[in-house]
């Protein structure tokens, strides 16, 4: 099965939406206007906003990793092999996918075997 790559415009839109959400939540916590020019922030206000943004960005990164792990496992449970997982994740090899998500080959093989046994 060929896995379509994410078009550049969709990738950019997703990145922009994520950055917007993270910044707006951080600005709210720091008590700053999310639409104001960041260069106008200084001192404690700038530090608070930057730290709030960092905390939310790290949380989003951890959650994205959790989602990716769950999606890889789900794909394997439905027969996706490491080559397909690598392609979907933008990795350069099936070995890279195997290092990132070890233990999924058995799930994929069971799914493919079960699919061959169905009438």
PDB file of N, CA and C in Angstrom:
ATOM      1  N   UNK A   1       0.848  -1.180   0.000  1.00  0.00           N
ATOM      2  CA  UNK A   1       0.000   0.000   0.000  1.00  0.00           C
ATOM      3  C   UNK A   1       0.891   1.240   0.000  1.00  0.00           C
ATOM      4  N   UNK A   2       0.604   2.169  -0.854  1.00  0.00           N
ATOM      5  CA  UNK A   2       1.362   3.414  -0.917  1.00  0.00           C
ATOM      6  C   UNK A   2       0.783   4.405   0.079  1.00  0.00           C
ATOM      7  N   UNK A   3       1.654   4.990   0.855  1.00  0.00           N
ATOM      8  CA  UNK A   3       1.233   5.977   1.847  1.00  0.00           C
ATOM      9  C   UNK A   3       1.507   7.361   1.279  1.00  0.00           C
ATOM     10  N   UNK A   4       0.459   8.162   1.075  1.00  0.00           N
ATOM     11  CA  UNK A   4       0.704   9.508   0.537  1.00  0.00           C
ATOM     12  C   UNK A   4       1.406  10.382   1.568  1.00  0.00           C
ATOM     13  N   UNK A   5       2.340  11.163   1.086  1.00  0.00           N
ATOM     14  CA  UNK A   5       3.020  12.079   1.996  1.00  0.00           C
ATOM     15  C   UNK A   5       2.116  13.280   2.261  1.00  0.00           C
ATOM     16  N   UNK A   6       2.416  13.980   3.313  1.00  0.00           N
ATOM     17  CA  UNK A   6       1.634  15.169   3.645  1.00  0.00           C
ATOM     18  C   UNK A   6       2.123  16.307   2.763  1.00  0.00           C
ATOM     19  N   UNK A   7       1.231  16.934   2.002  1.00  0.00           N
ATOM     20  CA  UNK A   7       1.647  18.053   1.150  1.00  0.00           C
ATOM     21  C   UNK A   7       2.227  19.197   1.990  1.00  0.00           C
ATOM     22  N   UNK A   8       3.157  19.917   1.408  1.00  0.00           N
ATOM     23  CA  UNK A   8       3.819  21.014   2.121  1.00  0.00           C
ATOM     24  C   UNK A   8       2.838  22.028   2.674  1.00  0.00           C
ATOM     25  N   UNK A   9       1.788  22.339   1.911  1.00  0.00           N
ATOM     26  CA  UNK A   9       0.832  23.338   2.391  1.00  0.00           C
ATOM     27  C   UNK A   9       0.055  22.825   3.602  1.00  0.00           C
ATOM     28  N   UNK A  10      -0.277  21.549   3.616  1.00  0.00           N
ATOM     29  CA  UNK A  10      -0.971  20.980   4.775  1.00  0.00           C
ATOM     30  C   UNK A  10      -0.037  20.939   5.987  1.00  0.00           C
ATOM     31  N   UNK A  11       1.229  20.579   5.748  1.00  0.00           N
ATOM     32  CA  UNK A  11       2.224  20.542   6.822  1.00  0.00           C
ATOM     33  C   UNK A  11       2.383  21.940   7.435  1.00  0.00           C
ATOM     34  N   UNK A  12       2.471  22.952   6.576  1.00  0.00           N
ATOM     35  CA  UNK A  12       2.630  24.329   7.050  1.00  0.00           C
ATOM     36  C   UNK A  12       1.388  24.786   7.822  1.00  0.00           C
ATOM     37  N   UNK A  13       0.222  24.417   7.326  1.00  0.00           N
ATOM     38  CA  UNK A  13      -1.028  24.791   7.996  1.00  0.00           C
ATOM     39  C   UNK A  13      -1.129  24.137   9.372  1.00  0.00           C
ATOM     40  N   UNK A  14      -0.753  22.872   9.463  1.00  0.00           N
ATOM     41  CA  UNK A  14      -0.777  22.171  10.741  1.00  0.00           C
ATOM     42  C   UNK A  14       0.209  22.807  11.718  1.00  0.00           C
ATOM     43  N   UNK A  15       1.415  23.107  11.247  1.00  0.00           N
ATOM     44  CA  UNK A  15       2.431  23.740  12.103  1.00  0.00           C
ATOM     45  C   UNK A  15       1.960  25.105  12.587  1.00  0.00           C
ATOM     46  N   UNK A  16       1.359  25.870  11.695  1.00  0.00           N
ATOM     47  CA  UNK A  16       0.871  27.203  12.061  1.00  0.00           C
ATOM     48  C   UNK A  16      -0.258  27.111  13.086  1.00  0.00           C
ATOM     49  N   UNK A  17      -1.171  26.178  12.891  1.00  0.00           N
ATOM     50  CA  UNK A  17      -2.284  26.014  13.838  1.00  0.00           C
ATOM     51  C   UNK A  17      -1.778  25.586  15.214  1.00  0.00           C
ATOM     52  N   UNK A  18      -0.801  24.688  15.225  1.00  0.00           N
ATOM     53  CA  UNK A  18      -0.239  24.247  16.494  1.00  0.00           C
ATOM     54  C   UNK A  18       0.493  25.383  17.200  1.00  0.00           C
ATOM     55  N   UNK A  19       1.312  26.121  16.454  1.00  0.00           N
ATOM     56  CA  UNK A  19       2.042  27.255  17.043  1.00  0.00           C
ATOM     57  C   UNK A  19       1.069  28.304  17.570  1.00  0.00           C
ATOM     58  N   UNK A  20       0.015  28.567  16.809  1.00  0.00           N
ATOM     59  CA  UNK A  20      -0.997  29.544  17.231  1.00  0.00           C
ATOM     60  C   UNK A  20      -1.637  29.104  18.545  1.00  0.00           C
ATOM     61  N   UNK A  21      -2.051  27.838  18.618  1.00  0.00           N
ATOM     62  CA  UNK A  21      -2.710  27.326  19.817  1.00  0.00           C
ATOM     63  C   UNK A  21      -1.781  27.382  21.026  1.00  0.00           C
ATOM     64  N   UNK A  22      -0.550  26.959  20.847  1.00  0.00           N
ATOM     65  CA  UNK A  22       0.411  26.979  21.948  1.00  0.00           C
ATOM     66  C   UNK A  22       0.636  28.414  22.429  1.00  0.00           C
ATOM     67  N   UNK A  23       0.887  29.342  21.486  1.00  0.00           N
ATOM     68  CA  UNK A  23       1.152  30.721  21.881  1.00  0.00           C
ATOM     69  C   UNK A  23      -0.055  31.354  22.572  1.00  0.00           C
ATOM     70  N   UNK A  24      -1.245  31.135  22.043  1.00  0.00           N
ATOM     71  CA  UNK A  24      -2.426  31.755  22.642  1.00  0.00           C
ATOM     72  C   UNK A  24      -2.683  31.234  24.055  1.00  0.00           C
ATOM     73  N   UNK A  25      -2.484  29.974  24.277  1.00  0.00           N
ATOM     74  CA  UNK A  25      -2.641  29.424  25.627  1.00  0.00           C
ATOM     75  C   UNK A  25      -1.570  29.985  26.558  1.00  0.00           C
ATOM     76  N   UNK A  26      -0.338  30.072  26.060  1.00  0.00           N
ATOM     77  CA  UNK A  26       0.759  30.613  26.880  1.00  0.00           C
ATOM     78  C   UNK A  26       0.524  32.082  27.209  1.00  0.00           C
ATOM     79  N   UNK A  27       0.102  32.838  26.214  1.00  0.00           N
ATOM     80  CA  UNK A  27      -0.144  34.268  26.438  1.00  0.00           C
ATOM     81  C   UNK A  27      -1.251  34.465  27.469  1.00  0.00           C
ATOM     82  N   UNK A  28      -2.269  33.628  27.406  1.00  0.00           N
ATOM     83  CA  UNK A  28      -3.366  33.717  28.372  1.00  0.00           C
ATOM     84  C   UNK A  28      -2.849  33.482  29.792  1.00  0.00           C
ATOM     85  N   UNK A  29      -2.036  32.464  29.970  1.00  0.00           N
ATOM     86  CA  UNK A  29      -1.475  32.148  31.291  1.00  0.00           C
ATOM     87  C   UNK A  29      -0.564  33.275  31.767  1.00  0.00           C
ATOM     88  N   UNK A  30       0.230  33.840  30.842  1.00  0.00           N
ATOM     89  CA  UNK A  30       1.177  34.893  31.211  1.00  0.00           C
ATOM     90  C   UNK A  30       0.511  36.263  31.326  1.00  0.00           C
ATOM     91  N   UNK A  31      -0.741  36.351  30.918  1.00  0.00           N
ATOM     92  CA  UNK A  31      -1.453  37.615  31.013  1.00  0.00           C
ATOM     93  C   UNK A  31      -1.025  38.649  29.991  1.00  0.00           C
ATOM     94  N   UNK A  32      -0.652  38.185  28.801  1.00  0.00           N
ATOM     95  CA  UNK A  32      -0.265  39.120  27.746  1.00  0.00           C
ATOM     96  C   UNK A  32      -1.215  38.984  26.563  1.00  0.00           C
ATOM     97  N   UNK A  33      -1.277  40.010  25.767  1.00  0.00           N
ATOM     98  CA  UNK A  33      -2.113  40.012  24.576  1.00  0.00           C
ATOM     99  C   UNK A  33      -1.458  39.119  23.520  1.00  0.00           C
ATOM    100  N   UNK A  34      -2.117  38.028  23.103  1.00  0.00           N
ATOM    101  CA  UNK A  34      -1.500  37.129  22.132  1.00  0.00           C
ATOM    102  C   UNK A  34      -1.333  37.754  20.746  1.00  0.00           C
ATOM    103  N   UNK A  35      -2.027  38.854  20.490  1.00  0.00           N
ATOM    104  CA  UNK A  35      -1.937  39.515  19.190  1.00  0.00           C
ATOM    105  C   UNK A  35      -0.909  40.642  19.172  1.00  0.00           C
ATOM    106  N   UNK A  36      -0.366  40.965  20.333  1.00  0.00           N
ATOM    107  CA  UNK A  36       0.632  42.037  20.402  1.00  0.00           C
ATOM    108  C   UNK A  36       1.952  41.557  19.797  1.00  0.00           C
ATOM    109  N   UNK A  37       2.721  42.485  19.328  1.00  0.00           N
ATOM    110  CA  UNK A  37       4.052  42.185  18.793  1.00  0.00           C
ATOM    111  C   UNK A  37       4.924  41.689  19.941  1.00  0.00           C
ATOM    112  N   UNK A  38       5.480  40.504  19.788  1.00  0.00           N
ATOM    113  CA  UNK A  38       6.303  39.924  20.859  1.00  0.00           C
ATOM    114  C   UNK A  38       7.501  40.797  21.217  1.00  0.00           C
ATOM    115  N   UNK A  39       7.974  41.554  20.259  1.00  0.00           N
ATOM    116  CA  UNK A  39       9.144  42.397  20.542  1.00  0.00           C
ATOM    117  C   UNK A  39       8.819  43.504  21.526  1.00  0.00           C
ATOM    118  N   UNK A  40       7.521  43.720  21.801  1.00  0.00           N
ATOM    119  CA  UNK A  40       7.145  44.742  22.776  1.00  0.00           C
ATOM    120  C   UNK A  40       7.181  44.204  24.203  1.00  0.00           C
ATOM    121  N   UNK A  41       7.287  42.888  24.350  1.00  0.00           N
ATOM    122  CA  UNK A  41       7.364  42.292  25.683  1.00  0.00           C
ATOM    123  C   UNK A  41       8.798  42.403  26.185  1.00  0.00           C
ATOM    124  N   UNK A  42       8.932  42.622  27.487  1.00  0.00           N
ATOM    125  CA  UNK A  42      10.278  42.751  28.063  1.00  0.00           C
ATOM    126  C   UNK A  42      10.269  42.254  29.501  1.00  0.00           C
ATOM    127  N   UNK A  43      11.439  41.996  30.018  1.00  0.00           N
ATOM    128  CA  UNK A  43      11.622  41.664  31.429  1.00  0.00           C
ATOM    129  C   UNK A  43      10.810  40.474  31.882  1.00  0.00           C
ATOM    130  N   UNK A  44      10.197  40.627  33.069  1.00  0.00           N
ATOM    131  CA  UNK A  44       9.446  39.530  33.672  1.00  0.00           C
ATOM    132  C   UNK A  44       8.281  39.076  32.793  1.00  0.00           C
ATOM    133  N   UNK A  45       7.648  40.012  32.113  1.00  0.00           N
ATOM    134  CA  UNK A  45       6.511  39.686  31.245  1.00  0.00           C
ATOM    135  C   UNK A  45       6.969  38.788  30.089  1.00  0.00           C
ATOM    136  N   UNK A  46       8.069  39.147  29.468  1.00  0.00           N
ATOM    137  CA  UNK A  46       8.603  38.344  28.360  1.00  0.00           C
ATOM    138  C   UNK A  46       9.043  36.970  28.858  1.00  0.00           C
ATOM    139  N   UNK A  47       9.722  36.939  29.997  1.00  0.00           N
ATOM    140  CA  UNK A  47      10.187  35.669  30.555  1.00  0.00           C
ATOM    141  C   UNK A  47       9.000  34.764  30.877  1.00  0.00           C
ATOM    142  N   UNK A  48       7.971  35.312  31.512  1.00  0.00           N
ATOM    143  CA  UNK A  48       6.790  34.522  31.861  1.00  0.00           C
ATOM    144  C   UNK A  48       6.111  33.969  30.609  1.00  0.00           C
ATOM    145  N   UNK A  49       5.979  34.806  29.588  1.00  0.00           N
ATOM    146  CA  UNK A  49       5.343  34.355  28.344  1.00  0.00           C
ATOM    147  C   UNK A  49       6.177  33.272  27.663  1.00  0.00           C
ATOM    148  N   UNK A  50       7.481  33.466  27.626  1.00  0.00           N
ATOM    149  CA  UNK A  50       8.361  32.490  26.982  1.00  0.00           C
ATOM    150  C   UNK A  50       8.344  31.160  27.734  1.00  0.00           C
ATOM    151  N   UNK A  51       8.371  31.211  29.063  1.00  0.00           N
ATOM    152  CA  UNK A  51       8.345  29.973  29.841  1.00  0.00           C
ATOM    153  C   UNK A  51       6.993  29.264  29.713  1.00  0.00           C
ATOM    154  N   UNK A  52       5.931  30.031  29.681  1.00  0.00           N
ATOM    155  CA  UNK A  52       4.601  29.435  29.485  1.00  0.00           C
ATOM    156  C   UNK A  52       4.512  28.783  28.104  1.00  0.00           C
ATOM    157  N   UNK A  53       5.080  29.429  27.105  1.00  0.00           N
ATOM    158  CA  UNK A  53       5.074  28.862  25.754  1.00  0.00           C
ATOM    159  C   UNK A  53       5.920  27.590  25.710  1.00  0.00           C
ATOM    160  N   UNK A  54       7.084  27.619  26.334  1.00  0.00           N
ATOM    161  CA  UNK A  54       7.949  26.441  26.382  1.00  0.00           C
ATOM    162  C   UNK A  54       7.235  25.265  27.036  1.00  0.00           C
ATOM    163  N   UNK A  55       6.588  25.510  28.165  1.00  0.00           N
ATOM    164  CA  UNK A  55       5.885  24.434  28.873  1.00  0.00           C
ATOM    165  C   UNK A  55       4.795  23.824  27.997  1.00  0.00           C
ATOM    166  N   UNK A  56       4.049  24.648  27.303  1.00  0.00           N
ATOM    167  CA  UNK A  56       2.981  24.144  26.450  1.00  0.00           C
ATOM    168  C   UNK A  56       3.519  23.457  25.208  1.00  0.00           C
ATOM    169  N   UNK A  57       4.608  23.956  24.653  1.00  0.00           N
ATOM    170  CA  UNK A  57       5.223  23.314  23.489  1.00  0.00           C
ATOM    171  C   UNK A  57       5.751  21.919  23.853  1.00  0.00           C
ATOM    172  N   UNK A  58       6.370  21.801  25.012  1.00  0.00           N
ATOM    173  CA  UNK A  58       6.874  20.490  25.453  1.00  0.00           C
ATOM    174  C   UNK A  58       5.719  19.523  25.711  1.00  0.00           C
ATOM    175  N   UNK A  59       4.637  20.019  26.279  1.00  0.00           N
ATOM    176  CA  UNK A  59       3.462  19.180  26.499  1.00  0.00           C
ATOM    177  C   UNK A  59       2.887  18.716  25.164  1.00  0.00           C
ATOM    178  N   UNK A  60       2.798  19.624  24.208  1.00  0.00           N
ATOM    179  CA  UNK A  60       2.291  19.265  22.881  1.00  0.00           C
ATOM    180  C   UNK A  60       3.201  18.245  22.204  1.00  0.00           C
ATOM    181  N   UNK A  61       4.505  18.409  22.342  1.00  0.00           N
ATOM    182  CA  UNK A  61       5.450  17.453  21.741  1.00  0.00           C
ATOM    183  C   UNK A  61       5.275  16.065  22.351  1.00  0.00           C
ATOM    184  N   UNK A  62       5.142  16.010  23.673  1.00  0.00           N
ATOM    185  CA  UNK A  62       4.951  14.716  24.331  1.00  0.00           C
ATOM    186  C   UNK A  62       3.638  14.075  23.905  1.00  0.00           C
ATOM    187  N   UNK A  63       2.602  14.865  23.788  1.00  0.00           N
ATOM    188  CA  UNK A  63       1.306  14.338  23.361  1.00  0.00           C
ATOM    189  C   UNK A  63       1.360  13.881  21.909  1.00  0.00           C
ATOM    190  N   UNK A  64       2.047  14.621  21.057  1.00  0.00           N
ATOM    191  CA  UNK A  64       2.203  14.214  19.657  1.00  0.00           C
ATOM    192  C   UNK A  64       2.940  12.878  19.569  1.00  0.00           C
ATOM    193  N   UNK A  65       3.939  12.697  20.398  1.00  0.00           N
ATOM    194  CA  UNK A  65       4.669  11.426  20.428  1.00  0.00           C
ATOM    195  C   UNK A  65       3.744  10.296  20.865  1.00  0.00           C
ATOM    196  N   UNK A  66       2.946  10.537  21.895  1.00  0.00           N
ATOM    197  CA  UNK A  66       1.999   9.520  22.366  1.00  0.00           C
ATOM    198  C   UNK A  66       1.007   9.147  21.265  1.00  0.00           C
ATOM    199  N   UNK A  67       0.514  10.146  20.556  1.00  0.00           N
ATOM    200  CA  UNK A  67      -0.430   9.897  19.462  1.00  0.00           C
ATOM    201  C   UNK A  67       0.239   9.098  18.352  1.00  0.00           C
ATOM    202  N   UNK A  68       1.481   9.445  18.007  1.00  0.00           N
ATOM    203  CA  UNK A  68       2.208   8.739  16.953  1.00  0.00           C
ATOM    204  C   UNK A  68       2.447   7.277  17.327  1.00  0.00           C
ATOM    205  N   UNK A  69       2.807   7.033  18.572  1.00  0.00           N
ATOM    206  CA  UNK A  69       3.024   5.649  19.023  1.00  0.00           C
ATOM    207  C   UNK A  69       1.724   4.857  18.909  1.00  0.00           C
ATOM    208  N   UNK A  70       0.638   5.440  19.358  1.00  0.00           N
ATOM    209  CA  UNK A  70      -0.662   4.760  19.283  1.00  0.00           C
ATOM    210  C   UNK A  70      -1.069   4.513  17.826  1.00  0.00           C
ATOM    211  N   UNK A  71      -0.833   5.482  16.959  1.00  0.00           N
ATOM    212  CA  UNK A  71      -1.187   5.329  15.548  1.00  0.00           C
ATOM    213  C   UNK A  71      -0.323   4.257  14.878  1.00  0.00           C
ATOM    214  N   UNK A  72       0.962   4.214  15.213  1.00  0.00           N
ATOM    215  CA  UNK A  72       1.845   3.186  14.654  1.00  0.00           C
ATOM    216  C   UNK A  72       1.378   1.795  15.084  1.00  0.00           C
ATOM    217  N   UNK A  73       1.039   1.681  16.343  1.00  0.00           N
ATOM    218  CA  UNK A  73       0.556   0.385  16.853  1.00  0.00           C
ATOM    219  C   UNK A  73      -0.758  -0.007  16.171  1.00  0.00           C
ATOM    220  N   UNK A  74      -1.649   0.944  16.023  1.00  0.00           N
ATOM    221  CA  UNK A  74      -2.932   0.678  15.377  1.00  0.00           C
ATOM    222  C   UNK A  74      -2.722   0.250  13.929  1.00  0.00           C
ATOM    223  N   UNK A  75      -1.825   0.952  13.227  1.00  0.00           N
ATOM    224  CA  UNK A  75      -1.528   0.591  11.836  1.00  0.00           C
ATOM    225  C   UNK A  75      -0.963  -0.828  11.765  1.00  0.00           C
ATOM    226  N   UNK A  76      -0.054  -1.156  12.678  1.00  0.00           N
ATOM    227  CA  UNK A  76       0.524  -2.504  12.701  1.00  0.00           C
ATOM    228  C   UNK A  76      -0.546  -3.550  12.992  1.00  0.00           C
ATOM    229  N   UNK A  77      -1.456  -3.233  13.894  1.00  0.00           N
ATOM    230  CA  UNK A  77      -2.538  -4.170  14.211  1.00  0.00           C
ATOM    231  C   UNK A  77      -3.411  -4.443  12.993  1.00  0.00           C
ATOM    232  N   UNK A  78      -3.327  -3.567  11.999  1.00  0.00           N
ATOM    233  CA  UNK A  78      -4.094  -3.745  10.769  1.00  0.00           C
ATOM    234  C   UNK A  78      -3.200  -4.120   9.593  1.00  0.00           C
ATOM    235  N   UNK A  79      -1.988  -4.609   9.914  1.00  0.00           N
ATOM    236  CA  UNK A  79      -1.127  -5.193   8.901  1.00  0.00           C
ATOM    237  C   UNK A  79      -0.051  -4.310   8.312  1.00  0.00           C
ATOM    238  N   UNK A  80       0.085  -3.070   8.765  1.00  0.00           N
ATOM    239  CA  UNK A  80       1.128  -2.194   8.226  1.00  0.00           C
ATOM    240  C   UNK A  80       2.504  -2.698   8.650  1.00  0.00           C
ATOM    241  N   UNK A  81       3.419  -2.756   7.694  1.00  0.00           N
ATOM    242  CA  UNK A  81       4.776  -3.184   8.026  1.00  0.00           C
ATOM    243  C   UNK A  81       5.652  -1.963   8.298  1.00  0.00           C
ATOM    244  N   UNK A  82       6.902  -2.228   8.682  1.00  0.00           N
ATOM    245  CA  UNK A  82       7.802  -1.128   9.037  1.00  0.00           C
ATOM    246  C   UNK A  82       8.078  -0.193   7.863  1.00  0.00           C
ATOM    247  N   UNK A  83       8.094  -0.701   6.656  1.00  0.00           N
ATOM    248  CA  UNK A  83       8.306   0.169   5.490  1.00  0.00           C
ATOM    249  C   UNK A  83       7.161   1.181   5.370  1.00  0.00           C
ATOM    250  N   UNK A  84       5.936   0.712   5.580  1.00  0.00           N
ATOM    251  CA  UNK A  84       4.780   1.616   5.519  1.00  0.00           C
ATOM    252  C   UNK A  84       4.786   2.610   6.676  1.00  0.00           C
ATOM    253  N   UNK A  85       5.129   2.135   7.862  1.00  0.00           N
ATOM    254  CA  UNK A  85       5.207   3.040   9.010  1.00  0.00           C
ATOM    255  C   UNK A  85       6.263   4.119   8.760  1.00  0.00           C
ATOM    256  N   UNK A  86       7.406   3.716   8.232  1.00  0.00           N
ATOM    257  CA  UNK A  86       8.474   4.679   7.940  1.00  0.00           C
ATOM    258  C   UNK A  86       7.996   5.713   6.928  1.00  0.00           C
ATOM    259  N   UNK A  87       7.339   5.258   5.885  1.00  0.00           N
ATOM    260  CA  UNK A  87       6.848   6.191   4.856  1.00  0.00           C
ATOM    261  C   UNK A  87       5.849   7.180   5.443  1.00  0.00           C
ATOM    262  N   UNK A  88       4.924   6.690   6.253  1.00  0.00           N
ATOM    263  CA  UNK A  88       3.908   7.563   6.848  1.00  0.00           C
ATOM    264  C   UNK A  88       4.523   8.585   7.797  1.00  0.00           C
ATOM    265  N   UNK A  89       5.588   8.176   8.494  1.00  0.00           N
ATOM    266  CA  UNK A  89       6.220   9.053   9.477  1.00  0.00           C
ATOM    267  C   UNK A  89       7.320   9.925   8.881  1.00  0.00           C
ATOM    268  N   UNK A  90       7.606   9.742   7.603  1.00  0.00           N
ATOM    269  CA  UNK A  90       8.660  10.537   6.972  1.00  0.00           C
ATOM    270  C   UNK A  90      10.056  10.086   7.377  1.00  0.00           C
ATOM    271  N   UNK A  91      10.184   8.831   7.774  1.00  0.00           N
ATOM    272  CA  UNK A  91      11.492   8.287   8.143  1.00  0.00           C
ATOM    273  C   UNK A  91      12.170   7.745   6.891  1.00  0.00           C
ATOM    274  N   UNK A  92      13.476   7.643   6.925  1.00  0.00           N
ATOM    275  CA  UNK A  92      14.187   7.258   5.710  1.00  0.00           C
ATOM    276  C   UNK A  92      14.361   5.764   5.522  1.00  0.00           C
ATOM    277  N   UNK A  93      13.944   4.949   6.497  1.00  0.00           N
ATOM    278  CA  UNK A  93      14.099   3.509   6.319  1.00  0.00           C
ATOM    279  C   UNK A  93      13.178   2.753   7.260  1.00  0.00           C
ATOM    280  N   UNK A  94      12.929   1.502   6.901  1.00  0.00           N
ATOM    281  CA  UNK A  94      12.130   0.652   7.784  1.00  0.00           C
ATOM    282  C   UNK A  94      12.873   0.385   9.086  1.00  0.00           C
ATOM    283  N   UNK A  95      14.221   0.382   8.998  1.00  0.00           N
ATOM    284  CA  UNK A  95      15.014   0.186  10.217  1.00  0.00           C
ATOM    285  C   UNK A  95      14.797   1.335  11.202  1.00  0.00           C
ATOM    286  N   UNK A  96      14.671   2.556  10.679  1.00  0.00           N
ATOM    287  CA  UNK A  96      14.408   3.709  11.543  1.00  0.00           C
ATOM    288  C   UNK A  96      13.053   3.557  12.228  1.00  0.00           C
ATOM    289  N   UNK A  97      12.077   3.050  11.501  1.00  0.00           N
ATOM    290  CA  UNK A  97      10.753   2.814  12.093  1.00  0.00           C
ATOM    291  C   UNK A  97      10.843   1.718  13.149  1.00  0.00           C
ATOM    292  N   UNK A  98      11.609   0.682  12.882  1.00  0.00           N
ATOM    293  CA  UNK A  98      11.754  -0.414  13.846  1.00  0.00           C
ATOM    294  C   UNK A  98      12.426   0.076  15.125  1.00  0.00           C
ATOM    295  N   UNK A  99      13.406   0.973  14.989  1.00  0.00           N
ATOM    296  CA  UNK A  99      14.057   1.537  16.177  1.00  0.00           C
ATOM    297  C   UNK A  99      13.090   2.428  16.964  1.00  0.00           C
ATOM    298  N   UNK A 100      12.262   3.175  16.249  1.00  0.00           N
ATOM    299  CA  UNK A 100      11.324   4.074  16.925  1.00  0.00           C
ATOM    300  C   UNK A 100      10.190   3.305  17.598  1.00  0.00           C
ATOM    301  N   UNK A 101       9.688   2.261  16.917  1.00  0.00           N
ATOM    302  CA  UNK A 101       8.551   1.498  17.433  1.00  0.00           C
ATOM    303  C   UNK A 101       8.886   0.003  17.434  1.00  0.00           C
ATOM    304  N   UNK A 102       9.736  -0.432  18.340  1.00  0.00           N
ATOM    305  CA  UNK A 102      10.106  -1.846  18.350  1.00  0.00           C
ATOM    306  C   UNK A 102       8.912  -2.730  18.712  1.00  0.00           C
ATOM    307  N   UNK A 103       8.929  -3.947  18.196  1.00  0.00           N
ATOM    308  CA  UNK A 103       7.919  -4.932  18.573  1.00  0.00           C
ATOM    309  C   UNK A 103       6.649  -4.925  17.760  1.00  0.00           C
ATOM    310  N   UNK A 104       6.564  -4.102  16.720  1.00  0.00           N
ATOM    311  CA  UNK A 104       5.322  -4.039  15.954  1.00  0.00           C
ATOM    312  C   UNK A 104       5.256  -5.056  14.820  1.00  0.00           C
ATOM    313  N   UNK A 105       6.381  -5.652  14.460  1.00  0.00           N
ATOM    314  CA  UNK A 105       6.397  -6.611  13.349  1.00  0.00           C
ATOM    315  C   UNK A 105       5.478  -7.794  13.645  1.00  0.00           C
ATOM    316  N   UNK A 106       5.497  -8.265  14.880  1.00  0.00           N
ATOM    317  CA  UNK A 106       4.653  -9.403  15.255  1.00  0.00           C
ATOM    318  C   UNK A 106       3.166  -9.047  15.133  1.00  0.00           C
ATOM    319  N   UNK A 107       2.803  -7.843  15.547  1.00  0.00           N
ATOM    320  CA  UNK A 107       1.403  -7.410  15.411  1.00  0.00           C
ATOM    321  C   UNK A 107       0.978  -7.386  13.951  1.00  0.00           C
ATOM    322  N   UNK A 108       1.836  -6.831  13.113  1.00  0.00           N
ATOM    323  CA  UNK A 108       1.518  -6.727  11.689  1.00  0.00           C
ATOM    324  C   UNK A 108       1.400  -8.105  11.055  1.00  0.00           C
ATOM    325  N   UNK A 109       2.302  -8.997  11.404  1.00  0.00           N
ATOM    326  CA  UNK A 109       2.265 -10.360  10.850  1.00  0.00           C
ATOM    327  C   UNK A 109       0.999 -11.088  11.281  1.00  0.00           C
ATOM    328  N   UNK A 110       0.618 -10.938  12.551  1.00  0.00           N
ATOM    329  CA  UNK A 110      -0.629 -11.570  13.018  1.00  0.00           C
ATOM    330  C   UNK A 110      -1.827 -11.033  12.247  1.00  0.00           C
ATOM    331  N   UNK A 111      -1.839  -9.724  12.003  1.00  0.00           N
ATOM    332  CA  UNK A 111      -2.961  -9.124  11.260  1.00  0.00           C
ATOM    333  C   UNK A 111      -3.001  -9.639   9.832  1.00  0.00           C
ATOM    334  N   UNK A 112      -1.825  -9.723   9.203  1.00  0.00           N
ATOM    335  CA  UNK A 112      -1.792 -10.213   7.817  1.00  0.00           C
ATOM    336  C   UNK A 112      -2.183 -11.686   7.753  1.00  0.00           C
ATOM    337  N   UNK A 113      -1.733 -12.486   8.717  1.00  0.00           N
ATOM    338  CA  UNK A 113      -2.068 -13.895   8.757  1.00  0.00           C
ATOM    339  C   UNK A 113      -3.579 -14.085   8.996  1.00  0.00           C
ATOM    340  N   UNK A 114      -4.127 -13.312   9.908  1.00  0.00           N
ATOM    341  CA  UNK A 114      -5.567 -13.394  10.189  1.00  0.00           C
ATOM    342  C   UNK A 114      -6.362 -13.003   8.947  1.00  0.00           C
ATOM    343  N   UNK A 115      -5.885 -12.021   8.208  1.00  0.00           N
ATOM    344  CA  UNK A 115      -6.565 -11.582   6.996  1.00  0.00           C
ATOM    345  C   UNK A 115      -6.557 -12.640   5.915  1.00  0.00           C
ATOM    346  N   UNK A 116      -5.496 -13.454   5.863  1.00  0.00           N
ATOM    347  CA  UNK A 116      -5.420 -14.521   4.852  1.00  0.00           C
ATOM    348  C   UNK A 116      -6.336 -15.699   5.217  1.00  0.00           C
ATOM    349  N   UNK A 117      -6.645 -15.847   6.501  1.00  0.00           N
ATOM    350  CA  UNK A 117      -7.489 -16.966   6.925  1.00  0.00           C
ATOM    351  C   UNK A 117      -8.965 -16.677   6.771  1.00  0.00           C
ATOM    352  N   UNK A 118      -9.315 -15.438   6.594  1.00  0.00           N
ATOM    353  CA  UNK A 118     -10.740 -15.096   6.466  1.00  0.00           C
ATOM    354  C   UNK A 118     -11.273 -15.609   5.127  1.00  0.00           C
ATOM    355  N   UNK A 119     -12.500 -16.176   5.138  1.00  0.00           N
ATOM    356  CA  UNK A 119     -13.092 -16.674   3.886  1.00  0.00           C
ATOM    357  C   UNK A 119     -13.465 -15.554   2.950  1.00  0.00           C
TER     358      UNK A 119
END
